[in-house]
mmCIF file of all heavy atoms, coordinates in Angstrom:
data_MODEL
# 
_entry.id   MODEL 
# 
loop_
_atom_site.group_PDB 
_atom_site.id 
_atom_site.type_symbol 
_atom_site.label_atom_id 
_atom_site.label_alt_id 
_atom_site.label_comp_id 
_atom_site.label_asym_id 
_atom_site.label_entity_id 
_atom_site.label_seq_id 
_atom_site.pdbx_PDB_ins_code 
_atom_site.Cartn_x 
_atom_site.Cartn_y 
_atom_site.Cartn_z 
_atom_site.occupancy 
_atom_site.B_iso_or_equiv 
_atom_site.pdbx_formal_charge 
_atom_site.auth_seq_id 
_atom_site.auth_comp_id 
_atom_site.auth_asym_id 
_atom_site.auth_atom_id 
_atom_site.pdbx_PDB_model_num 
ATOM 1   N N   . GLU A 1 1  ? 0.830  -1.198 0.000   1.00 0.00 ? 1  GLU A N   1 
ATOM 2   C CA  . GLU A 1 1  ? 0.000  0.000  0.000   1.00 0.00 ? 1  GLU A CA  1 
ATOM 3   C C   . GLU A 1 1  ? 0.876  1.264  0.000   1.00 0.00 ? 1  GLU A C   1 
ATOM 4   O O   . GLU A 1 1  ? 0.616  2.225  -0.744  1.00 0.00 ? 1  GLU A O   1 
ATOM 5   C CB  . GLU A 1 1  ? -0.913 -0.004 1.222   1.00 0.00 ? 1  GLU A CB  1 
ATOM 6   C CG  . GLU A 1 1  ? -1.846 1.184  1.336   1.00 0.00 ? 1  GLU A CG  1 
ATOM 7   C CD  . GLU A 1 1  ? -2.909 1.207  0.263   1.00 0.00 ? 1  GLU A CD  1 
ATOM 8   O OE1 . GLU A 1 1  ? -3.288 0.112  -0.223  1.00 0.00 ? 1  GLU A OE1 1 
ATOM 9   O OE2 . GLU A 1 1  ? -3.347 2.315  -0.100  1.00 0.00 ? 1  GLU A OE2 1 
ATOM 10  N N   . ARG A 1 2  ? 1.934  1.243  0.821   1.00 0.00 ? 2  ARG A N   1 
ATOM 11  C CA  . ARG A 1 2  ? 2.837  2.393  0.856   1.00 0.00 ? 2  ARG A CA  1 
ATOM 12  C C   . ARG A 1 2  ? 3.569  2.563  -0.479  1.00 0.00 ? 2  ARG A C   1 
ATOM 13  O O   . ARG A 1 2  ? 3.761  3.678  -0.965  1.00 0.00 ? 2  ARG A O   1 
ATOM 14  C CB  . ARG A 1 2  ? 3.839  2.233  1.994   1.00 0.00 ? 2  ARG A CB  1 
ATOM 15  C CG  . ARG A 1 2  ? 3.225  2.402  3.374   1.00 0.00 ? 2  ARG A CG  1 
ATOM 16  C CD  . ARG A 1 2  ? 4.295  2.644  4.426   1.00 0.00 ? 2  ARG A CD  1 
ATOM 17  N NE  . ARG A 1 2  ? 5.270  1.554  4.485   1.00 0.00 ? 2  ARG A NE  1 
ATOM 18  C CZ  . ARG A 1 2  ? 5.143  0.497  5.278   1.00 0.00 ? 2  ARG A CZ  1 
ATOM 19  N NH1 . ARG A 1 2  ? 4.083  0.386  6.070   1.00 0.00 ? 2  ARG A NH1 1 
ATOM 20  N NH2 . ARG A 1 2  ? 6.075  -0.438 5.298   1.00 0.00 ? 2  ARG A NH2 1 
ATOM 21  N N   . ARG A 1 3  ? 3.990  1.426  -1.068  1.00 0.00 ? 3  ARG A N   1 
ATOM 22  C CA  . ARG A 1 3  ? 4.684  1.499  -2.363  1.00 0.00 ? 3  ARG A CA  1 
ATOM 23  C C   . ARG A 1 3  ? 3.771  2.083  -3.434  1.00 0.00 ? 3  ARG A C   1 
ATOM 24  O O   . ARG A 1 3  ? 4.220  2.881  -4.289  1.00 0.00 ? 3  ARG A O   1 
ATOM 25  C CB  . ARG A 1 3  ? 5.154  0.122  -2.782  1.00 0.00 ? 3  ARG A CB  1 
ATOM 26  C CG  . ARG A 1 3  ? 5.897  0.127  -4.127  1.00 0.00 ? 3  ARG A CG  1 
ATOM 27  C CD  . ARG A 1 3  ? 6.362  -1.262 -4.519  1.00 0.00 ? 3  ARG A CD  1 
ATOM 28  N NE  . ARG A 1 3  ? 7.121  -1.232 -5.760  1.00 0.00 ? 3  ARG A NE  1 
ATOM 29  C CZ  . ARG A 1 3  ? 6.589  -1.282 -6.972  1.00 0.00 ? 3  ARG A CZ  1 
ATOM 30  N NH1 . ARG A 1 3  ? 5.275  -1.343 -7.099  1.00 0.00 ? 3  ARG A NH1 1 
ATOM 31  N NH2 . ARG A 1 3  ? 7.342  -1.249 -8.053  1.00 0.00 ? 3  ARG A NH2 1 
ATOM 32  N N   . TYR A 1 4  ? 2.494  1.714  -3.401  1.00 0.00 ? 4  TYR A N   1 
ATOM 33  C CA  . TYR A 1 4  ? 1.554  2.259  -4.386  1.00 0.00 ? 4  TYR A CA  1 
ATOM 34  C C   . TYR A 1 4  ? 1.422  3.772  -4.224  1.00 0.00 ? 4  TYR A C   1 
ATOM 35  O O   . TYR A 1 4  ? 1.420  4.518  -5.228  1.00 0.00 ? 4  TYR A O   1 
ATOM 36  C CB  . TYR A 1 4  ? 0.197  1.588  -4.235  1.00 0.00 ? 4  TYR A CB  1 
ATOM 37  C CG  . TYR A 1 4  ? -0.920 2.353  -4.916  1.00 0.00 ? 4  TYR A CG  1 
ATOM 38  C CD1 . TYR A 1 4  ? -1.017 2.399  -6.303  1.00 0.00 ? 4  TYR A CD1 1 
ATOM 39  C CD2 . TYR A 1 4  ? -1.860 3.065  -4.155  1.00 0.00 ? 4  TYR A CD2 1 
ATOM 40  C CE1 . TYR A 1 4  ? -2.033 3.122  -6.926  1.00 0.00 ? 4  TYR A CE1 1 
ATOM 41  C CE2 . TYR A 1 4  ? -2.861 3.781  -4.775  1.00 0.00 ? 4  TYR A CE2 1 
ATOM 42  C CZ  . TYR A 1 4  ? -2.950 3.808  -6.149  1.00 0.00 ? 4  TYR A CZ  1 
ATOM 43  O OH  . TYR A 1 4  ? -3.941 4.531  -6.766  1.00 0.00 ? 4  TYR A OH  1 
ATOM 44  N N   . GLU A 1 5  ? 1.322  4.236  -2.976  1.00 0.00 ? 5  GLU A N   1 
ATOM 45  C CA  . GLU A 1 5  ? 1.205  5.672  -2.757  1.00 0.00 ? 5  GLU A CA  1 
ATOM 46  C C   . GLU A 1 5  ? 2.450  6.400  -3.274  1.00 0.00 ? 5  GLU A C   1 
ATOM 47  O O   . GLU A 1 5  ? 2.359  7.480  -3.883  1.00 0.00 ? 5  GLU A O   1 
ATOM 48  C CB  . GLU A 1 5  ? 1.009  5.963  -1.269  1.00 0.00 ? 5  GLU A CB  1 
ATOM 49  C CG  . GLU A 1 5  ? -0.310 5.449  -0.695  1.00 0.00 ? 5  GLU A CG  1 
ATOM 50  C CD  . GLU A 1 5  ? -1.516 6.130  -1.305  1.00 0.00 ? 5  GLU A CD  1 
ATOM 51  O OE1 . GLU A 1 5  ? -1.356 7.268  -1.813  1.00 0.00 ? 5  GLU A OE1 1 
ATOM 52  O OE2 . GLU A 1 5  ? -2.617 5.535  -1.282  1.00 0.00 ? 5  GLU A OE2 1 
ATOM 53  N N   . VAL A 1 6  ? 3.622  5.828  -3.020  1.00 0.00 ? 6  VAL A N   1 
ATOM 54  C CA  . VAL A 1 6  ? 4.863  6.433  -3.508  1.00 0.00 ? 6  VAL A CA  1 
ATOM 55  C C   . VAL A 1 6  ? 4.891  6.433  -5.035  1.00 0.00 ? 6  VAL A C   1 
ATOM 56  O O   . VAL A 1 6  ? 5.247  7.449  -5.675  1.00 0.00 ? 6  VAL A O   1 
ATOM 57  C CB  . VAL A 1 6  ? 6.089  5.692  -2.934  1.00 0.00 ? 6  VAL A CB  1 
ATOM 58  C CG1 . VAL A 1 6  ? 7.378  6.181  -3.595  1.00 0.00 ? 6  VAL A CG1 1 
ATOM 59  C CG2 . VAL A 1 6  ? 6.166  5.878  -1.425  1.00 0.00 ? 6  VAL A CG2 1 
ATOM 60  N N   . ALA A 1 7  ? 4.539  5.289  -5.648  1.00 0.00 ? 7  ALA A N   1 
ATOM 61  C CA  . ALA A 1 7  ? 4.560  5.188  -7.110  1.00 0.00 ? 7  ALA A CA  1 
ATOM 62  C C   . ALA A 1 7  ? 3.573  6.164  -7.735  1.00 0.00 ? 7  ALA A C   1 
ATOM 63  O O   . ALA A 1 7  ? 3.861  6.775  -8.784  1.00 0.00 ? 7  ALA A O   1 
ATOM 64  C CB  . ALA A 1 7  ? 4.234  3.755  -7.538  1.00 0.00 ? 7  ALA A CB  1 
ATOM 65  N N   . ARG A 1 8  ? 2.416  6.315  -7.119  1.00 0.00 ? 8  ARG A N   1 
ATOM 66  C CA  . ARG A 1 8  ? 1.419  7.250  -7.652  1.00 0.00 ? 8  ARG A CA  1 
ATOM 67  C C   . ARG A 1 8  ? 1.924  8.690  -7.557  1.00 0.00 ? 8  ARG A C   1 
ATOM 68  O O   . ARG A 1 8  ? 1.762  9.481  -8.497  1.00 0.00 ? 8  ARG A O   1 
ATOM 69  C CB  . ARG A 1 8  ? 0.107  7.076  -6.880  1.00 0.00 ? 8  ARG A CB  1 
ATOM 70  C CG  . ARG A 1 8  ? -1.062 7.879  -7.434  1.00 0.00 ? 8  ARG A CG  1 
ATOM 71  C CD  . ARG A 1 8  ? -2.335 7.527  -6.652  1.00 0.00 ? 8  ARG A CD  1 
ATOM 72  N NE  . ARG A 1 8  ? -3.478 8.196  -7.222  1.00 0.00 ? 8  ARG A NE  1 
ATOM 73  C CZ  . ARG A 1 8  ? -3.862 9.455  -6.922  1.00 0.00 ? 8  ARG A CZ  1 
ATOM 74  N NH1 . ARG A 1 8  ? -3.139 10.156 -6.062  1.00 0.00 ? 8  ARG A NH1 1 
ATOM 75  N NH2 . ARG A 1 8  ? -4.932 9.983  -7.485  1.00 0.00 ? 8  ARG A NH2 1 
ATOM 76  N N   . ARG A 1 9  ? 2.529  8.993  -6.415  1.00 0.00 ? 9  ARG A N   1 
ATOM 77  C CA  . ARG A 1 9  ? 3.039  10.360 -6.229  1.00 0.00 ? 9  ARG A CA  1 
ATOM 78  C C   . ARG A 1 9  ? 4.183  10.646 -7.218  1.00 0.00 ? 9  ARG A C   1 
ATOM 79  O O   . ARG A 1 9  ? 4.254  11.735 -7.806  1.00 0.00 ? 9  ARG A O   1 
ATOM 80  C CB  . ARG A 1 9  ? 3.515  10.524 -4.789  1.00 0.00 ? 9  ARG A CB  1 
ATOM 81  C CG  . ARG A 1 9  ? 3.928  11.956 -4.452  1.00 0.00 ? 9  ARG A CG  1 
ATOM 82  C CD  . ARG A 1 9  ? 4.079  12.166 -2.962  1.00 0.00 ? 9  ARG A CD  1 
ATOM 83  N NE  . ARG A 1 9  ? 5.047  11.248 -2.376  1.00 0.00 ? 9  ARG A NE  1 
ATOM 84  C CZ  . ARG A 1 9  ? 4.730  10.235 -1.581  1.00 0.00 ? 9  ARG A CZ  1 
ATOM 85  N NH1 . ARG A 1 9  ? 3.450  9.983  -1.309  1.00 0.00 ? 9  ARG A NH1 1 
ATOM 86  N NH2 . ARG A 1 9  ? 5.664  9.451  -1.064  1.00 0.00 ? 9  ARG A NH2 1 
ATOM 87  N N   . LEU A 1 10 ? 5.060  9.675  -7.418  1.00 0.00 ? 10 LEU A N   1 
ATOM 88  C CA  . LEU A 1 10 ? 6.160  9.859  -8.357  1.00 0.00 ? 10 LEU A CA  1 
ATOM 89  C C   . LEU A 1 10 ? 5.663  10.015 -9.789  1.00 0.00 ? 10 LEU A C   1 
ATOM 90  O O   . LEU A 1 10 ? 6.214  10.793 -10.574 1.00 0.00 ? 10 LEU A O   1 
ATOM 91  C CB  . LEU A 1 10 ? 7.135  8.666  -8.264  1.00 0.00 ? 10 LEU A CB  1 
ATOM 92  C CG  . LEU A 1 10 ? 7.958  8.570  -6.972  1.00 0.00 ? 10 LEU A CG  1 
ATOM 93  C CD1 . LEU A 1 10 ? 8.785  7.291  -6.975  1.00 0.00 ? 10 LEU A CD1 1 
ATOM 94  C CD2 . LEU A 1 10 ? 8.881  9.791  -6.827  1.00 0.00 ? 10 LEU A CD2 1 
ATOM 95  N N   . TYR A 1 11 ? 4.605  9.254  -10.112 1.00 0.00 ? 11 TYR A N   1 
ATOM 96  C CA  . TYR A 1 11 ? 4.080  9.371  -11.477 1.00 0.00 ? 11 TYR A CA  1 
ATOM 97  C C   . TYR A 1 11 ? 3.472  10.748 -11.697 1.00 0.00 ? 11 TYR A C   1 
ATOM 98  O O   . TYR A 1 11 ? 3.650  11.356 -12.767 1.00 0.00 ? 11 TYR A O   1 
ATOM 99  C CB  . TYR A 1 11 ? 3.033  8.290  -11.738 1.00 0.00 ? 11 TYR A CB  1 
ATOM 100 C CG  . TYR A 1 11 ? 2.453  8.379  -13.128 1.00 0.00 ? 11 TYR A CG  1 
ATOM 101 C CD1 . TYR A 1 11 ? 3.171  7.940  -14.239 1.00 0.00 ? 11 TYR A CD1 1 
ATOM 102 C CD2 . TYR A 1 11 ? 1.200  8.960  -13.329 1.00 0.00 ? 11 TYR A CD2 1 
ATOM 103 C CE1 . TYR A 1 11 ? 2.645  8.055  -15.512 1.00 0.00 ? 11 TYR A CE1 1 
ATOM 104 C CE2 . TYR A 1 11 ? 0.673  9.084  -14.607 1.00 0.00 ? 11 TYR A CE2 1 
ATOM 105 C CZ  . TYR A 1 11 ? 1.397  8.623  -15.686 1.00 0.00 ? 11 TYR A CZ  1 
ATOM 106 O OH  . TYR A 1 11 ? 0.885  8.760  -16.956 1.00 0.00 ? 11 TYR A OH  1 
ATOM 107 N N   . VAL A 1 12 ? 2.733  11.246 -10.700 1.00 0.00 ? 12 VAL A N   1 
ATOM 108 C CA  . VAL A 1 12 ? 2.138  12.579 -10.828 1.00 0.00 ? 12 VAL A CA  1 
ATOM 109 C C   . VAL A 1 12 ? 3.229  13.639 -10.982 1.00 0.00 ? 12 VAL A C   1 
ATOM 110 O O   . VAL A 1 12 ? 3.081  14.607 -11.732 1.00 0.00 ? 12 VAL A O   1 
ATOM 111 C CB  . VAL A 1 12 ? 1.242  12.879 -9.604  1.00 0.00 ? 12 VAL A CB  1 
ATOM 112 C CG1 . VAL A 1 12 ? 0.794  14.342 -9.606  1.00 0.00 ? 12 VAL A CG1 1 
ATOM 113 C CG2 . VAL A 1 12 ? 0.035  11.960 -9.605  1.00 0.00 ? 12 VAL A CG2 1 
ATOM 114 N N   . MET A 1 13 ? 4.360  13.414 -10.306 1.00 0.00 ? 13 MET A N   1 
ATOM 115 C CA  . MET A 1 13 ? 5.483  14.366 -10.384 1.00 0.00 ? 13 MET A CA  1 
ATOM 116 C C   . MET A 1 13 ? 6.289  14.182 -11.655 1.00 0.00 ? 13 MET A C   1 
ATOM 117 O O   . MET A 1 13 ? 7.231  14.950 -11.917 1.00 0.00 ? 13 MET A O   1 
ATOM 118 C CB  . MET A 1 13 ? 6.394  14.197 -9.160  1.00 0.00 ? 13 MET A CB  1 
ATOM 119 C CG  . MET A 1 13 ? 5.708  14.544 -7.851  1.00 0.00 ? 13 MET A CG  1 
ATOM 120 S SD  . MET A 1 13 ? 6.710  14.062 -6.417  1.00 0.00 ? 13 MET A SD  1 
ATOM 121 C CE  . MET A 1 13 ? 8.200  15.043 -6.713  1.00 0.00 ? 13 MET A CE  1 
ATOM 122 N N   . GLY A 1 14 ? 5.952  13.156 -12.436 1.00 0.00 ? 14 GLY A N   1 
ATOM 123 C CA  . GLY A 1 14 ? 6.675  12.927 -13.677 1.00 0.00 ? 14 GLY A CA  1 
ATOM 124 C C   . GLY A 1 14 ? 7.997  12.231 -13.485 1.00 0.00 ? 14 GLY A C   1 
ATOM 125 O O   . GLY A 1 14 ? 8.838  12.239 -14.401 1.00 0.00 ? 14 GLY A O   1 
ATOM 126 N N   . LYS A 1 15 ? 8.211  11.599 -12.348 1.00 0.00 ? 15 LYS A N   1 
ATOM 127 C CA  . LYS A 1 15 ? 9.481  10.934 -12.062 1.00 0.00 ? 15 LYS A CA  1 
ATOM 128 C C   . LYS A 1 15 ? 9.382  9.410  -12.171 1.00 0.00 ? 15 LYS A C   1 
ATOM 129 O O   . LYS A 1 15 ? 10.283 8.696  -11.754 1.00 0.00 ? 15 LYS A O   1 
ATOM 130 C CB  . LYS A 1 15 ? 9.952  11.299 -10.652 1.00 0.00 ? 15 LYS A CB  1 
ATOM 131 C CG  . LYS A 1 15 ? 10.241 12.779 -10.483 1.00 0.00 ? 15 LYS A CG  1 
ATOM 132 C CD  . LYS A 1 15 ? 10.710 13.079 -9.067  1.00 0.00 ? 15 LYS A CD  1 
ATOM 133 C CE  . LYS A 1 15 ? 11.022 14.566 -8.899  1.00 0.00 ? 15 LYS A CE  1 
ATOM 134 N NZ  . LYS A 1 15 ? 11.510 14.871 -7.525  1.00 0.00 ? 15 LYS A NZ  1 
ATOM 135 N N   . SER A 1 16 ? 8.260  8.920  -12.695 1.00 0.00 ? 16 SER A N   1 
ATOM 136 C CA  . SER A 1 16 ? 8.076  7.475  -12.831 1.00 0.00 ? 16 SER A CA  1 
ATOM 137 C C   . SER A 1 16 ? 7.268  7.207  -14.082 1.00 0.00 ? 16 SER A C   1 
ATOM 138 O O   . SER A 1 16 ? 6.571  8.095  -14.597 1.00 0.00 ? 16 SER A O   1 
ATOM 139 C CB  . SER A 1 16 ? 7.372  6.911  -11.591 1.00 0.00 ? 16 SER A CB  1 
ATOM 140 O OG  . SER A 1 16 ? 7.123  5.534  -11.740 1.00 0.00 ? 16 SER A OG  1 
ATOM 141 N N   . THR A 1 17 ? 7.323  5.983  -14.552 1.00 0.00 ? 17 THR A N   1 
ATOM 142 C CA  . THR A 1 17 ? 6.601  5.605  -15.766 1.00 0.00 ? 17 THR A CA  1 
ATOM 143 C C   . THR A 1 17 ? 5.278  4.928  -15.422 1.00 0.00 ? 17 THR A C   1 
ATOM 144 O O   . THR A 1 17 ? 5.028  4.520  -14.291 1.00 0.00 ? 17 THR A O   1 
ATOM 145 C CB  . THR A 1 17 ? 7.437  4.644  -16.626 1.00 0.00 ? 17 THR A CB  1 
ATOM 146 O OG1 . THR A 1 17 ? 7.604  3.398  -15.901 1.00 0.00 ? 17 THR A OG1 1 
ATOM 147 C CG2 . THR A 1 17 ? 8.814  5.238  -16.926 1.00 0.00 ? 17 THR A CG2 1 
ATOM 148 N N   . ILE A 1 18 ? 4.429  4.822  -16.425 1.00 0.00 ? 18 ILE A N   1 
ATOM 149 C CA  . ILE A 1 18 ? 3.138  4.152  -16.247 1.00 0.00 ? 18 ILE A CA  1 
ATOM 150 C C   . ILE A 1 18 ? 3.311  2.683  -15.914 1.00 0.00 ? 18 ILE A C   1 
ATOM 151 O O   . ILE A 1 18 ? 2.496  2.077  -15.211 1.00 0.00 ? 18 ILE A O   1 
ATOM 152 C CB  . ILE A 1 18 ? 2.278  4.335  -17.526 1.00 0.00 ? 18 ILE A CB  1 
ATOM 153 C CG1 . ILE A 1 18 ? 0.854  3.809  -17.286 1.00 0.00 ? 18 ILE A CG1 1 
ATOM 154 C CG2 . ILE A 1 18 ? 2.918  3.618  -18.712 1.00 0.00 ? 18 ILE A CG2 1 
ATOM 155 C CD1 . ILE A 1 18 ? 0.114  4.542  -16.240 1.00 0.00 ? 18 ILE A CD1 1 
ATOM 156 N N   . LEU A 1 19 ? 4.398  2.073  -16.399 1.00 0.00 ? 19 LEU A N   1 
ATOM 157 C CA  . LEU A 1 19 ? 4.649  0.666  -16.097 1.00 0.00 ? 19 LEU A CA  1 
ATOM 158 C C   . LEU A 1 19 ? 4.913  0.473  -14.606 1.00 0.00 ? 19 LEU A C   1 
ATOM 159 O O   . LEU A 1 19 ? 4.432  -0.495 -13.987 1.00 0.00 ? 19 LEU A O   1 
ATOM 160 C CB  . LEU A 1 19 ? 5.834  0.156  -16.916 1.00 0.00 ? 19 LEU A CB  1 
ATOM 161 C CG  . LEU A 1 19 ? 5.633  0.094  -18.433 1.00 0.00 ? 19 LEU A CG  1 
ATOM 162 C CD1 . LEU A 1 19 ? 6.921  -0.378 -19.114 1.00 0.00 ? 19 LEU A CD1 1 
ATOM 163 C CD2 . LEU A 1 19 ? 4.475  -0.832 -18.770 1.00 0.00 ? 19 LEU A CD2 1 
ATOM 164 N N   . ASP A 1 20 ? 5.693  1.390  -14.015 1.00 0.00 ? 20 ASP A N   1 
ATOM 165 C CA  . ASP A 1 20 ? 5.942  1.305  -12.582 1.00 0.00 ? 20 ASP A CA  1 
ATOM 166 C C   . ASP A 1 20 ? 4.643  1.477  -11.794 1.00 0.00 ? 20 ASP A C   1 
ATOM 167 O O   . ASP A 1 20 ? 4.412  0.793  -10.792 1.00 0.00 ? 20 ASP A O   1 
ATOM 168 C CB  . ASP A 1 20 ? 6.950  2.375  -12.155 1.00 0.00 ? 20 ASP A CB  1 
ATOM 169 C CG  . ASP A 1 20 ? 8.347  2.111  -12.718 1.00 0.00 ? 20 ASP A CG  1 
ATOM 170 O OD1 . ASP A 1 20 ? 8.644  0.925  -12.972 1.00 0.00 ? 20 ASP A OD1 1 
ATOM 171 O OD2 . ASP A 1 20 ? 9.104  3.076  -12.913 1.00 0.00 ? 20 ASP A OD2 1 
ATOM 172 N N   . LEU A 1 21 ? 3.795  2.393  -12.238 1.00 0.00 ? 21 LEU A N   1 
ATOM 173 C CA  . LEU A 1 21 ? 2.521  2.614  -11.544 1.00 0.00 ? 21 LEU A CA  1 
ATOM 174 C C   . LEU A 1 21 ? 1.622  1.388  -11.636 1.00 0.00 ? 21 LEU A C   1 
ATOM 175 O O   . LEU A 1 21 ? 1.032  0.955  -10.644 1.00 0.00 ? 21 LEU A O   1 
ATOM 176 C CB  . LEU A 1 21 ? 1.820  3.831  -12.146 1.00 0.00 ? 21 LEU A CB  1 
ATOM 177 C CG  . LEU A 1 21 ? 0.447  4.163  -11.537 1.00 0.00 ? 21 LEU A CG  1 
ATOM 178 C CD1 . LEU A 1 21 ? 0.577  4.464  -10.051 1.00 0.00 ? 21 LEU A CD1 1 
ATOM 179 C CD2 . LEU A 1 21 ? -0.188 5.351  -12.276 1.00 0.00 ? 21 LEU A CD2 1 
ATOM 180 N N   . ASN A 1 22 ? 1.519  0.809  -12.831 1.00 0.00 ? 22 ASN A N   1 
ATOM 181 C CA  . ASN A 1 22 ? 0.685  -0.393 -13.001 1.00 0.00 ? 22 ASN A CA  1 
ATOM 182 C C   . ASN A 1 22 ? 1.208  -1.550 -12.154 1.00 0.00 ? 22 ASN A C   1 
ATOM 183 O O   . ASN A 1 22 ? 0.437  -2.327 -11.573 1.00 0.00 ? 22 ASN A O   1 
ATOM 184 C CB  . ASN A 1 22 ? 0.639  -0.806 -14.470 1.00 0.00 ? 22 ASN A CB  1 
ATOM 185 C CG  . ASN A 1 22 ? -0.226 0.127  -15.296 1.00 0.00 ? 22 ASN A CG  1 
ATOM 186 O OD1 . ASN A 1 22 ? -1.051 0.848  -14.757 1.00 0.00 ? 22 ASN A OD1 1 
ATOM 187 N ND2 . ASN A 1 22 ? -0.026 0.121  -16.614 1.00 0.00 ? 22 ASN A ND2 1 
ATOM 188 N N   . SER A 1 23 ? 2.534  -1.674 -12.090 1.00 0.00 ? 23 SER A N   1 
ATOM 189 C CA  . SER A 1 23 ? 3.120  -2.725 -11.267 1.00 0.00 ? 23 SER A CA  1 
ATOM 190 C C   . SER A 1 23 ? 2.782  -2.514 -9.796  1.00 0.00 ? 23 SER A C   1 
ATOM 191 O O   . SER A 1 23 ? 2.453  -3.463 -9.079  1.00 0.00 ? 23 SER A O   1 
ATOM 192 C CB  . SER A 1 23 ? 4.635  -2.755 -11.464 1.00 0.00 ? 23 SER A CB  1 
ATOM 193 O OG  . SER A 1 23 ? 5.234  -3.712 -10.602 1.00 0.00 ? 23 SER A OG  1 
ATOM 194 N N   . ALA A 1 24 ? 2.836  -1.270 -9.322  1.00 0.00 ? 24 ALA A N   1 
ATOM 195 C CA  . ALA A 1 24 ? 2.508  -0.987 -7.921  1.00 0.00 ? 24 ALA A CA  1 
ATOM 196 C C   . ALA A 1 24 ? 1.046  -1.264 -7.630  1.00 0.00 ? 24 ALA A C   1 
ATOM 197 O O   . ALA A 1 24 ? 0.691  -1.786 -6.559  1.00 0.00 ? 24 ALA A O   1 
ATOM 198 C CB  . ALA A 1 24 ? 2.846  0.469  -7.609  1.00 0.00 ? 24 ALA A CB  1 
ATOM 199 N N   . ILE A 1 25 ? 0.168  -0.925 -8.575  1.00 0.00 ? 25 ILE A N   1 
ATOM 200 C CA  . ILE A 1 25 ? -1.267 -1.207 -8.390  1.00 0.00 ? 25 ILE A CA  1 
ATOM 201 C C   . ILE A 1 25 ? -1.510 -2.706 -8.287  1.00 0.00 ? 25 ILE A C   1 
ATOM 202 O O   . ILE A 1 25 ? -2.237 -3.182 -7.421  1.00 0.00 ? 25 ILE A O   1 
ATOM 203 C CB  . ILE A 1 25 ? -2.079 -0.597 -9.554  1.00 0.00 ? 25 ILE A CB  1 
ATOM 204 C CG1 . ILE A 1 25 ? -2.016 0.931  -9.507  1.00 0.00 ? 25 ILE A CG1 1 
ATOM 205 C CG2 . ILE A 1 25 ? -3.522 -1.071 -9.487  1.00 0.00 ? 25 ILE A CG2 1 
ATOM 206 C CD1 . ILE A 1 25 ? -2.654 1.600  -10.705 1.00 0.00 ? 25 ILE A CD1 1 
ATOM 207 N N   . SER A 1 26 ? -0.889 -3.466 -9.196  1.00 0.00 ? 26 SER A N   1 
ATOM 208 C CA  . SER A 1 26 ? -1.068 -4.926 -9.201  1.00 0.00 ? 26 SER A CA  1 
ATOM 209 C C   . SER A 1 26 ? -0.558 -5.555 -7.908  1.00 0.00 ? 26 SER A C   1 
ATOM 210 O O   . SER A 1 26 ? -1.212 -6.421 -7.317  1.00 0.00 ? 26 SER A O   1 
ATOM 211 C CB  . SER A 1 26 ? -0.345 -5.526 -10.412 1.00 0.00 ? 26 SER A CB  1 
ATOM 212 O OG  . SER A 1 26 ? -0.438 -6.940 -10.406 1.00 0.00 ? 26 SER A OG  1 
# 
């Protein structure tokens, strides 16, 4: 859950890719 929040925040900031976000959601 914490990793997902971090991945989502990083994606919004433009510091992560959609693949990382999808992986965190899964």
